[in-house]
PDB file of all heavy atoms in Angstrom:
ATOM      1  N   TYR A   1       5.640  -3.734  10.791  1.00  0.00           N
ATOM      2  CA  TYR A   1       5.320  -3.349   9.374  1.00  0.00           C
ATOM      3  C   TYR A   1       6.117  -4.149   8.415  1.00  0.00           C
ATOM      4  O   TYR A   1       6.729  -3.635   7.402  1.00  0.00           O
ATOM      5  CB  TYR A   1       5.548  -1.834   9.138  1.00  0.00           C
ATOM      6  CG  TYR A   1       4.417  -1.043   9.874  1.00  0.00           C
ATOM      7  CD1 TYR A   1       4.669  -0.616  11.291  1.00  0.00           C
ATOM      8  CD2 TYR A   1       3.220  -0.905   9.414  1.00  0.00           C
ATOM      9  CE1 TYR A   1       3.744   0.077  11.921  1.00  0.00           C
ATOM     10  CE2 TYR A   1       2.207  -0.232  10.107  1.00  0.00           C
ATOM     11  CZ  TYR A   1       2.442   0.363  11.347  1.00  0.00           C
ATOM     12  OH  TYR A   1       1.501   0.886  11.971  1.00  0.00           O
ATOM     13  N   GLN A   2       6.392  -5.414   8.697  1.00  0.00           N
ATOM     14  CA  GLN A   2       7.176  -6.370   7.873  1.00  0.00           C
ATOM     15  C   GLN A   2       6.305  -7.311   7.116  1.00  0.00           C
ATOM     16  O   GLN A   2       5.106  -7.614   7.644  1.00  0.00           O
ATOM     17  CB  GLN A   2       8.141  -7.196   8.736  1.00  0.00           C
ATOM     18  CG  GLN A   2       9.076  -6.402   9.527  1.00  0.00           C
ATOM     19  CD  GLN A   2      10.206  -5.810   8.605  1.00  0.00           C
ATOM     20  OE1 GLN A   2      10.915  -6.534   7.923  1.00  0.00           O
ATOM     21  NE2 GLN A   2      10.332  -4.525   8.607  1.00  0.00           N
ATOM     22  N   ASP A   3       6.735  -7.974   6.133  1.00  0.00           N
ATOM     23  CA  ASP A   3       6.115  -9.093   5.526  1.00  0.00           C
ATOM     24  C   ASP A   3       6.505 -10.324   6.345  1.00  0.00           C
ATOM     25  O   ASP A   3       7.693 -10.591   6.496  1.00  0.00           O
ATOM     26  CB  ASP A   3       6.596  -9.267   4.047  1.00  0.00           C
ATOM     27  CG  ASP A   3       5.777  -8.375   3.104  1.00  0.00           C
ATOM     28  OD1 ASP A   3       4.842  -7.708   3.531  1.00  0.00           O
ATOM     29  OD2 ASP A   3       6.356  -8.319   1.959  1.00  0.00           O
ATOM     30  N   VAL A   4       5.550 -10.985   6.895  1.00  0.00           N
ATOM     31  CA  VAL A   4       5.770 -12.291   7.703  1.00  0.00           C
ATOM     32  C   VAL A   4       4.947 -13.358   7.092  1.00  0.00           C
ATOM     33  O   VAL A   4       3.823 -13.701   7.459  1.00  0.00           O
ATOM     34  CB  VAL A   4       5.333 -12.032   9.186  1.00  0.00           C
ATOM     35  CG1 VAL A   4       5.807 -13.224   9.932  1.00  0.00           C
ATOM     36  CG2 VAL A   4       5.979 -10.764   9.732  1.00  0.00           C
ATOM     37  N   PRO A   5       5.490 -13.971   5.955  1.00  0.00           N
ATOM     38  CA  PRO A   5       4.739 -14.984   5.272  1.00  0.00           C
ATOM     39  C   PRO A   5       4.345 -16.176   6.141  1.00  0.00           C
ATOM     40  O   PRO A   5       3.183 -16.657   5.967  1.00  0.00           O
ATOM     41  CB  PRO A   5       5.708 -15.473   4.136  1.00  0.00           C
ATOM     42  CG  PRO A   5       6.621 -14.275   4.030  1.00  0.00           C
ATOM     43  CD  PRO A   5       6.802 -13.744   5.330  1.00  0.00           C
ATOM     44  N   GLY A   6       5.097 -16.619   7.180  1.00  0.00           N
ATOM     45  CA  GLY A   6       4.742 -17.617   8.032  1.00  0.00           C
ATOM     46  C   GLY A   6       3.541 -17.392   8.813  1.00  0.00           C
ATOM     47  O   GLY A   6       2.917 -18.388   9.307  1.00  0.00           O
ATOM     48  N   GLN A   7       3.205 -16.243   8.969  1.00  0.00           N
ATOM     49  CA  GLN A   7       1.921 -15.823   9.778  1.00  0.00           C
ATOM     50  C   GLN A   7       0.809 -15.303   8.800  1.00  0.00           C
ATOM     51  O   GLN A   7      -0.121 -14.687   9.169  1.00  0.00           O
ATOM     52  CB  GLN A   7       2.208 -14.848  10.853  1.00  0.00           C
ATOM     53  CG  GLN A   7       3.166 -15.321  11.827  1.00  0.00           C
ATOM     54  CD  GLN A   7       3.278 -14.457  13.080  1.00  0.00           C
ATOM     55  OE1 GLN A   7       2.271 -13.947  13.589  1.00  0.00           O
ATOM     56  NE2 GLN A   7       4.466 -14.396  13.661  1.00  0.00           N
ATOM     57  N   MET A   8       1.082 -15.543   7.491  1.00  0.00           N
ATOM     58  CA  MET A   8       0.064 -15.092   6.471  1.00  0.00           C
ATOM     59  C   MET A   8      -0.207 -13.536   6.561  1.00  0.00           C
ATOM     60  O   MET A   8      -1.275 -13.129   6.450  1.00  0.00           O
ATOM     61  CB  MET A   8      -1.203 -15.822   6.494  1.00  0.00           C
ATOM     62  CG  MET A   8      -0.926 -17.333   6.185  1.00  0.00           C
ATOM     63  SD  MET A   8      -2.550 -18.315   6.084  1.00  0.00           S
ATOM     64  CE  MET A   8      -3.040 -18.235   7.778  1.00  0.00           C
ATOM     65  N   THR A   9       0.909 -12.785   6.909  1.00  0.00           N
ATOM     66  CA  THR A   9       0.722 -11.347   7.042  1.00  0.00           C
ATOM     67  C   THR A   9       1.781 -10.701   6.163  1.00  0.00           C
ATOM     68  O   THR A   9       3.046 -10.708   6.582  1.00  0.00           O
ATOM     69  CB  THR A   9       0.882 -10.939   8.428  1.00  0.00           C
ATOM     70  OG1 THR A   9      -0.176 -11.647   9.269  1.00  0.00           O
ATOM     71  CG2 THR A   9       0.799  -9.529   8.731  1.00  0.00           C
ATOM     72  N   LEU A  10       1.496  -9.961   5.130  1.00  0.00           N
ATOM     73  CA  LEU A  10       2.455  -9.229   4.348  1.00  0.00           C
ATOM     74  C   LEU A  10       2.117  -7.720   4.678  1.00  0.00           C
ATOM     75  O   LEU A  10       1.538  -7.008   3.778  1.00  0.00           O
ATOM     76  CB  LEU A  10       2.167  -9.506   2.916  1.00  0.00           C
ATOM     77  CG  LEU A  10       2.286 -11.075   2.598  1.00  0.00           C
ATOM     78  CD1 LEU A  10       2.122 -11.255   1.082  1.00  0.00           C
ATOM     79  CD2 LEU A  10       3.649 -11.583   3.081  1.00  0.00           C
ATOM     80  N   TYR A  11       2.547  -7.243   5.833  1.00  0.00           N
ATOM     81  CA  TYR A  11       2.178  -5.874   6.174  1.00  0.00           C
ATOM     82  C   TYR A  11       2.985  -4.860   5.459  1.00  0.00           C
ATOM     83  O   TYR A  11       2.492  -3.743   5.254  1.00  0.00           O
ATOM     84  CB  TYR A  11       2.337  -5.702   7.686  1.00  0.00           C
ATOM     85  CG  TYR A  11       1.179  -4.827   8.263  1.00  0.00           C
ATOM     86  CD1 TYR A  11      -0.069  -5.336   8.559  1.00  0.00           C
ATOM     87  CD2 TYR A  11       1.368  -3.485   8.510  1.00  0.00           C
ATOM     88  CE1 TYR A  11      -1.070  -4.564   8.973  1.00  0.00           C
ATOM     89  CE2 TYR A  11       0.327  -2.709   8.964  1.00  0.00           C
ATOM     90  CZ  TYR A  11      -0.856  -3.227   9.270  1.00  0.00           C
ATOM     91  OH  TYR A  11      -1.883  -2.407   9.744  1.00  0.00           O
ATOM     92  N   SER A  12       4.210  -5.179   5.103  1.00  0.00           N
ATOM     93  CA  SER A  12       4.949  -4.232   4.301  1.00  0.00           C
ATOM     94  C   SER A  12       4.305  -4.077   2.904  1.00  0.00           C
ATOM     95  O   SER A  12       4.113  -3.020   2.436  1.00  0.00           O
ATOM     96  CB  SER A  12       6.404  -4.753   4.115  1.00  0.00           C
ATOM     97  OG  SER A  12       7.068  -3.985   3.216  1.00  0.00           O
ATOM     98  N   THR A  13       3.919  -5.134   2.285  1.00  0.00           N
ATOM     99  CA  THR A  13       3.277  -5.112   1.009  1.00  0.00           C
ATOM    100  C   THR A  13       1.912  -4.285   1.137  1.00  0.00           C
ATOM    101  O   THR A  13       1.499  -3.577   0.193  1.00  0.00           O
ATOM    102  CB  THR A  13       2.878  -6.483   0.489  1.00  0.00           C
ATOM    103  OG1 THR A  13       4.210  -7.265   0.394  1.00  0.00           O
ATOM    104  CG2 THR A  13       2.260  -6.556  -0.858  1.00  0.00           C
ATOM    105  N   PHE A  14       1.192  -4.486   2.207  1.00  0.00           N
ATOM    106  CA  PHE A  14       0.030  -3.889   2.508  1.00  0.00           C
ATOM    107  C   PHE A  14       0.185  -2.364   2.455  1.00  0.00           C
ATOM    108  O   PHE A  14      -0.508  -1.568   1.686  1.00  0.00           O
ATOM    109  CB  PHE A  14      -0.660  -4.344   3.848  1.00  0.00           C
ATOM    110  CG  PHE A  14      -1.807  -3.500   4.270  1.00  0.00           C
ATOM    111  CD1 PHE A  14      -2.982  -3.484   3.441  1.00  0.00           C
ATOM    112  CD2 PHE A  14      -1.780  -2.766   5.477  1.00  0.00           C
ATOM    113  CE1 PHE A  14      -4.057  -2.693   3.890  1.00  0.00           C
ATOM    114  CE2 PHE A  14      -2.864  -2.081   5.877  1.00  0.00           C
ATOM    115  CZ  PHE A  14      -3.965  -1.971   5.095  1.00  0.00           C
ATOM    116  N   VAL A  15       1.046  -1.791   3.269  1.00  0.00           N
ATOM    117  CA  VAL A  15       1.165  -0.331   3.418  1.00  0.00           C
ATOM    118  C   VAL A  15       1.980   0.262   2.193  1.00  0.00           C
ATOM    119  O   VAL A  15       1.762   1.498   1.890  1.00  0.00           O
ATOM    120  CB  VAL A  15       1.904   0.070   4.786  1.00  0.00           C
ATOM    121  CG1 VAL A  15       1.009  -0.408   5.941  1.00  0.00           C
ATOM    122  CG2 VAL A  15       3.302  -0.372   4.876  1.00  0.00           C
ATOM    123  N   GLY A  16       2.910  -0.481   1.690  1.00  0.00           N
ATOM    124  CA  GLY A  16       3.756   0.180   0.633  1.00  0.00           C
ATOM    125  C   GLY A  16       3.196  -0.002  -0.708  1.00  0.00           C
ATOM    126  O   GLY A  16       3.672   0.759  -1.628  1.00  0.00           O
ATOM    127  N   LYS A  17       2.262  -0.855  -0.995  1.00  0.00           N
ATOM    128  CA  LYS A  17       1.845  -1.147  -2.293  1.00  0.00           C
ATOM    129  C   LYS A  17       0.302  -1.187  -2.376  1.00  0.00           C
ATOM    130  O   LYS A  17      -0.412  -0.341  -2.996  1.00  0.00           O
ATOM    131  CB  LYS A  17       2.373  -2.367  -2.867  1.00  0.00           C
ATOM    132  CG  LYS A  17       2.049  -2.767  -4.318  1.00  0.00           C
ATOM    133  CD  LYS A  17       2.735  -3.923  -4.806  1.00  0.00           C
ATOM    134  CE  LYS A  17       2.319  -4.206  -6.282  1.00  0.00           C
ATOM    135  NZ  LYS A  17       3.027  -5.474  -6.834  1.00  0.00           N
ATOM    136  N   GLU A  18      -0.328  -2.152  -1.653  1.00  0.00           N
ATOM    137  CA  GLU A  18      -1.707  -2.402  -1.828  1.00  0.00           C
ATOM    138  C   GLU A  18      -2.585  -1.280  -1.334  1.00  0.00           C
ATOM    139  O   GLU A  18      -3.536  -0.820  -2.022  1.00  0.00           O
ATOM    140  CB  GLU A  18      -2.082  -3.577  -0.996  1.00  0.00           C
ATOM    141  CG  GLU A  18      -3.609  -4.032  -1.119  1.00  0.00           C
ATOM    142  CD  GLU A  18      -3.983  -5.133  -0.217  1.00  0.00           C
ATOM    143  OE1 GLU A  18      -3.708  -6.273  -0.564  1.00  0.00           O
ATOM    144  OE2 GLU A  18      -4.720  -4.885   0.789  1.00  0.00           O
ATOM    145  N   LEU A  19      -2.339  -0.599  -0.166  1.00  0.00           N
ATOM    146  CA  LEU A  19      -3.024   0.380   0.346  1.00  0.00           C
ATOM    147  C   LEU A  19      -3.017   1.618  -0.481  1.00  0.00           C
ATOM    148  O   LEU A  19      -3.987   2.331  -0.631  1.00  0.00           O
ATOM    149  CB  LEU A  19      -2.546   0.775   1.782  1.00  0.00           C
ATOM    150  CG  LEU A  19      -3.247   1.830   2.569  1.00  0.00           C
ATOM    151  CD1 LEU A  19      -4.805   1.383   2.765  1.00  0.00           C
ATOM    152  CD2 LEU A  19      -2.589   2.159   3.897  1.00  0.00           C
ATOM    153  N   VAL A  20      -1.823   1.835  -1.107  1.00  0.00           N
ATOM    154  CA  VAL A  20      -1.665   2.966  -2.005  1.00  0.00           C
ATOM    155  C   VAL A  20      -2.617   2.821  -3.210  1.00  0.00           C
ATOM    156  O   VAL A  20      -3.261   3.688  -3.696  1.00  0.00           O
ATOM    157  CB  VAL A  20      -0.210   3.228  -2.486  1.00  0.00           C
ATOM    158  CG1 VAL A  20      -0.086   4.225  -3.542  1.00  0.00           C
ATOM    159  CG2 VAL A  20       0.686   3.521  -1.254  1.00  0.00           C
ATOM    160  N   GLU A  21      -2.532   1.589  -3.794  1.00  0.00           N
ATOM    161  CA  GLU A  21      -3.360   1.314  -4.983  1.00  0.00           C
ATOM    162  C   GLU A  21      -4.918   1.411  -4.757  1.00  0.00           C
ATOM    163  O   GLU A  21      -5.521   1.941  -5.496  1.00  0.00           O
ATOM    164  CB  GLU A  21      -3.023  -0.084  -5.513  1.00  0.00           C
ATOM    165  CG  GLU A  21      -1.583  -0.179  -5.987  1.00  0.00           C
ATOM    166  CD  GLU A  21      -1.191  -1.643  -6.391  1.00  0.00           C
ATOM    167  OE1 GLU A  21      -2.021  -2.554  -6.024  1.00  0.00           O
ATOM    168  OE2 GLU A  21      -0.159  -1.949  -6.910  1.00  0.00           O
ATOM    169  N   GLU A  22      -5.301   0.839  -3.538  1.00  0.00           N
ATOM    170  CA  GLU A  22      -6.708   0.835  -3.238  1.00  0.00           C
ATOM    171  C   GLU A  22      -7.261   2.248  -2.959  1.00  0.00           C
ATOM    172  O   GLU A  22      -8.326   2.585  -3.428  1.00  0.00           O
ATOM    173  CB  GLU A  22      -6.867  -0.069  -1.968  1.00  0.00           C
ATOM    174  CG  GLU A  22      -6.718  -1.556  -2.216  1.00  0.00           C
ATOM    175  CD  GLU A  22      -7.838  -2.125  -3.015  1.00  0.00           C
ATOM    176  OE1 GLU A  22      -9.010  -1.491  -3.066  1.00  0.00           O
ATOM    177  OE2 GLU A  22      -7.556  -3.152  -3.643  1.00  0.00           O
ATOM    178  N   THR A  23      -6.460   3.067  -2.218  1.00  0.00           N
ATOM    179  CA  THR A  23      -6.966   4.429  -1.947  1.00  0.00           C
ATOM    180  C   THR A  23      -6.981   5.295  -3.129  1.00  0.00           C
ATOM    181  O   THR A  23      -7.775   6.195  -3.379  1.00  0.00           O
ATOM    182  CB  THR A  23      -6.146   4.995  -0.720  1.00  0.00           C
ATOM    183  OG1 THR A  23      -4.802   4.858  -1.017  1.00  0.00           O
ATOM    184  CG2 THR A  23      -6.517   4.299   0.543  1.00  0.00           C
ATOM    185  N   ARG A  24      -5.897   5.066  -3.999  1.00  0.00           N
ATOM    186  CA  ARG A  24      -5.844   5.919  -5.331  1.00  0.00           C
ATOM    187  C   ARG A  24      -7.102   5.523  -6.085  1.00  0.00           C
ATOM    188  O   ARG A  24      -7.548   6.405  -6.867  1.00  0.00           O
ATOM    189  CB  ARG A  24      -4.613   5.666  -5.976  1.00  0.00           C
ATOM    190  CG  ARG A  24      -3.377   6.410  -5.366  1.00  0.00           C
ATOM    191  CD  ARG A  24      -2.097   6.052  -6.070  1.00  0.00           C
ATOM    192  NE  ARG A  24      -0.989   6.895  -5.678  1.00  0.00           N
ATOM    193  CZ  ARG A  24       0.282   6.733  -6.056  1.00  0.00           C
ATOM    194  NH1 ARG A  24       0.599   5.729  -6.960  1.00  0.00           N
ATOM    195  NH2 ARG A  24       1.226   7.529  -5.651  1.00  0.00           N
ATOM    196  N   ASN A  25      -7.510   4.293  -6.142  1.00  0.00           N
ATOM    197  CA  ASN A  25      -8.608   3.883  -7.020  1.00  0.00           C
ATOM    198  C   ASN A  25      -9.887   4.330  -6.437  1.00  0.00           C
ATOM    199  O   ASN A  25     -10.912   4.421  -7.142  1.00  0.00           O
ATOM    200  CB  ASN A  25      -8.608   2.420  -7.135  1.00  0.00           C
ATOM    201  CG  ASN A  25      -7.451   1.880  -8.000  1.00  0.00           C
ATOM    202  OD1 ASN A  25      -6.918   2.657  -8.880  1.00  0.00           O
ATOM    203  ND2 ASN A  25      -7.128   0.605  -7.852  1.00  0.00           N
ATOM    204  N   THR A  26      -9.955   4.666  -5.061  1.00  0.00           N
ATOM    205  CA  THR A  26     -11.225   5.055  -4.452  1.00  0.00           C
ATOM    206  C   THR A  26     -11.392   6.531  -4.250  1.00  0.00           C
ATOM    207  O   THR A  26     -12.557   7.087  -4.304  1.00  0.00           O
ATOM    208  CB  THR A  26     -11.273   4.338  -3.106  1.00  0.00           C
ATOM    209  OG1 THR A  26     -11.125   2.926  -3.308  1.00  0.00           O
ATOM    210  CG2 THR A  26     -12.687   4.601  -2.404  1.00  0.00           C
ATOM    211  N   PHE A  27     -10.182   7.193  -4.030  1.00  0.00           N
ATOM    212  CA  PHE A  27     -10.365   8.673  -3.606  1.00  0.00           C
ATOM    213  C   PHE A  27      -9.474   9.535  -4.705  1.00  0.00           C
ATOM    214  O   PHE A  27      -8.665   8.976  -5.423  1.00  0.00           O
ATOM    215  CB  PHE A  27      -9.852   8.933  -2.333  1.00  0.00           C
ATOM    216  CG  PHE A  27     -10.550   8.280  -1.167  1.00  0.00           C
ATOM    217  CD1 PHE A  27     -10.140   7.005  -0.691  1.00  0.00           C
ATOM    218  CD2 PHE A  27     -11.757   8.710  -0.730  1.00  0.00           C
ATOM    219  CE1 PHE A  27     -10.813   6.302   0.337  1.00  0.00           C
ATOM    220  CE2 PHE A  27     -12.458   8.047   0.288  1.00  0.00           C
ATOM    221  CZ  PHE A  27     -12.007   6.862   0.778  1.00  0.00           C
ATOM    222  N   PRO A  28      -9.814  10.803  -4.833  1.00  0.00           N
ATOM    223  CA  PRO A  28      -9.003  11.677  -5.720  1.00  0.00           C
ATOM    224  C   PRO A  28      -7.625  12.009  -5.264  1.00  0.00           C
ATOM    225  O   PRO A  28      -7.395  13.224  -4.840  1.00  0.00           O
ATOM    226  CB  PRO A  28      -9.962  12.950  -5.800  1.00  0.00           C
ATOM    227  CG  PRO A  28     -10.623  13.045  -4.500  1.00  0.00           C
ATOM    228  CD  PRO A  28     -10.836  11.586  -4.008  1.00  0.00           C
ATOM    229  N   LEU A  29      -6.819  11.084  -5.258  1.00  0.00           N
ATOM    230  CA  LEU A  29      -5.431  11.268  -4.736  1.00  0.00           C
ATOM    231  C   LEU A  29      -4.440  11.241  -5.911  1.00  0.00           C
ATOM    232  O   LEU A  29      -4.579  10.575  -6.875  1.00  0.00           O
ATOM    233  CB  LEU A  29      -5.044  10.015  -3.783  1.00  0.00           C
ATOM    234  CG  LEU A  29      -6.027   9.726  -2.648  1.00  0.00           C
ATOM    235  CD1 LEU A  29      -5.441   8.622  -1.836  1.00  0.00           C
ATOM    236  CD2 LEU A  29      -6.269  10.954  -1.767  1.00  0.00           C
ATOM    237  N   SER A  30      -3.435  12.081  -5.765  1.00  0.00           N
ATOM    238  CA  SER A  30      -2.387  12.197  -6.832  1.00  0.00           C
ATOM    239  C   SER A  30      -1.643  10.823  -6.942  1.00  0.00           C
ATOM    240  O   SER A  30      -1.424  10.111  -5.912  1.00  0.00           O
ATOM    241  CB  SER A  30      -1.397  13.271  -6.455  1.00  0.00           C
ATOM    242  OG  SER A  30      -0.336  13.207  -7.336  1.00  0.00           O
ATOM    243  N   ARG A  31      -1.329  10.498  -8.130  1.00  0.00           N
ATOM    244  CA  ARG A  31      -0.573   9.207  -8.467  1.00  0.00           C
ATOM    245  C   ARG A  31       0.929   9.563  -8.633  1.00  0.00           C
ATOM    246  O   ARG A  31       1.669   8.707  -9.076  1.00  0.00           O
ATOM    247  CB  ARG A  31      -1.158   8.585  -9.587  1.00  0.00           C
ATOM    248  CG  ARG A  31      -2.581   8.082  -9.425  1.00  0.00           C
ATOM    249  CD  ARG A  31      -3.189   7.400 -10.611  1.00  0.00           C
ATOM    250  NE  ARG A  31      -4.554   6.907 -10.314  1.00  0.00           N
ATOM    251  CZ  ARG A  31      -4.748   5.602  -9.906  1.00  0.00           C
ATOM    252  NH1 ARG A  31      -3.741   4.790  -9.822  1.00  0.00           N
ATOM    253  NH2 ARG A  31      -5.973   5.231  -9.665  1.00  0.00           N
ATOM    254  N   LYS A  32       1.230  10.798  -8.502  1.00  0.00           N
ATOM    255  CA  LYS A  32       2.684  11.234  -8.712  1.00  0.00           C
ATOM    256  C   LYS A  32       3.542  10.984  -7.438  1.00  0.00           C
ATOM    257  O   LYS A  32       3.138  11.182  -6.359  1.00  0.00           O
ATOM    258  CB  LYS A  32       2.778  12.692  -8.991  1.00  0.00           C
ATOM    259  CG  LYS A  32       2.013  13.169 -10.196  1.00  0.00           C
ATOM    260  CD  LYS A  32       2.156  14.652 -10.446  1.00  0.00           C
ATOM    261  CE  LYS A  32       1.389  15.134 -11.770  1.00  0.00           C
ATOM    262  NZ  LYS A  32       1.522  16.594 -11.904  1.00  0.00           N
ATOM    263  N   ARG A  33       4.752  10.497  -7.723  1.00  0.00           N
ATOM    264  CA  ARG A  33       5.646  10.221  -6.593  1.00  0.00           C
ATOM    265  C   ARG A  33       5.932  11.540  -5.790  1.00  0.00           C
ATOM    266  O   ARG A  33       5.935  11.404  -4.523  1.00  0.00           O
ATOM    267  CB  ARG A  33       6.991   9.646  -7.272  1.00  0.00           C
ATOM    268  CG  ARG A  33       8.059   9.463  -6.081  1.00  0.00           C
ATOM    269  CD  ARG A  33       9.303   8.888  -6.614  1.00  0.00           C
ATOM    270  NE  ARG A  33      10.313   8.636  -5.567  1.00  0.00           N
ATOM    271  CZ  ARG A  33      11.183   9.541  -5.125  1.00  0.00           C
ATOM    272  NH1 ARG A  33      11.249  10.787  -5.607  1.00  0.00           N
ATOM    273  NH2 ARG A  33      12.175   9.186  -4.185  1.00  0.00           N
ATOM    274  N   GLU A  34       6.153  12.652  -6.435  1.00  0.00           N
ATOM    275  CA  GLU A  34       6.398  13.778  -5.707  1.00  0.00           C
ATOM    276  C   GLU A  34       5.346  14.316  -4.825  1.00  0.00           C
ATOM    277  O   GLU A  34       5.466  15.191  -3.949  1.00  0.00           O
ATOM    278  CB  GLU A  34       6.857  15.004  -6.644  1.00  0.00           C
ATOM    279  CG  GLU A  34       5.686  15.316  -7.702  1.00  0.00           C
ATOM    280  CD  GLU A  34       5.813  14.690  -9.015  1.00  0.00           C
ATOM    281  OE1 GLU A  34       6.355  13.498  -9.029  1.00  0.00           O
ATOM    282  OE2 GLU A  34       5.520  15.297  -9.988  1.00  0.00           O
ATOM    283  N   ASP A  35       4.091  13.747  -4.912  1.00  0.00           N
ATOM    284  CA  ASP A  35       2.960  14.137  -4.178  1.00  0.00           C
ATOM    285  C   ASP A  35       2.549  12.984  -3.089  1.00  0.00           C
ATOM    286  O   ASP A  35       1.586  13.146  -2.485  1.00  0.00           O
ATOM    287  CB  ASP A  35       1.673  14.339  -5.022  1.00  0.00           C
ATOM    288  CG  ASP A  35       1.857  15.471  -5.907  1.00  0.00           C
ATOM    289  OD1 ASP A  35       2.610  16.416  -5.495  1.00  0.00           O
ATOM    290  OD2 ASP A  35       1.134  15.620  -6.872  1.00  0.00           O
ATOM    291  N   THR A  36       3.364  12.002  -2.952  1.00  0.00           N
ATOM    292  CA  THR A  36       2.952  10.828  -2.159  1.00  0.00           C
ATOM    293  C   THR A  36       4.074  10.599  -1.087  1.00  0.00           C
ATOM    294  O   THR A  36       5.245  10.458  -1.405  1.00  0.00           O
ATOM    295  CB  THR A  36       2.892   9.557  -3.002  1.00  0.00           C
ATOM    296  OG1 THR A  36       1.984   9.769  -4.131  1.00  0.00           O
ATOM    297  CG2 THR A  36       2.390   8.439  -2.220  1.00  0.00           C
TER     298      THR A  36
END
């Protein structure tokens, strides 16, 4: 679950940022820190 730029894989960025943004934009999920 690390960012490994040399292998074109930013898995930390994926789970910690991108996935949160994408699922919040698609499903009725809370955007509050205390709910995440």
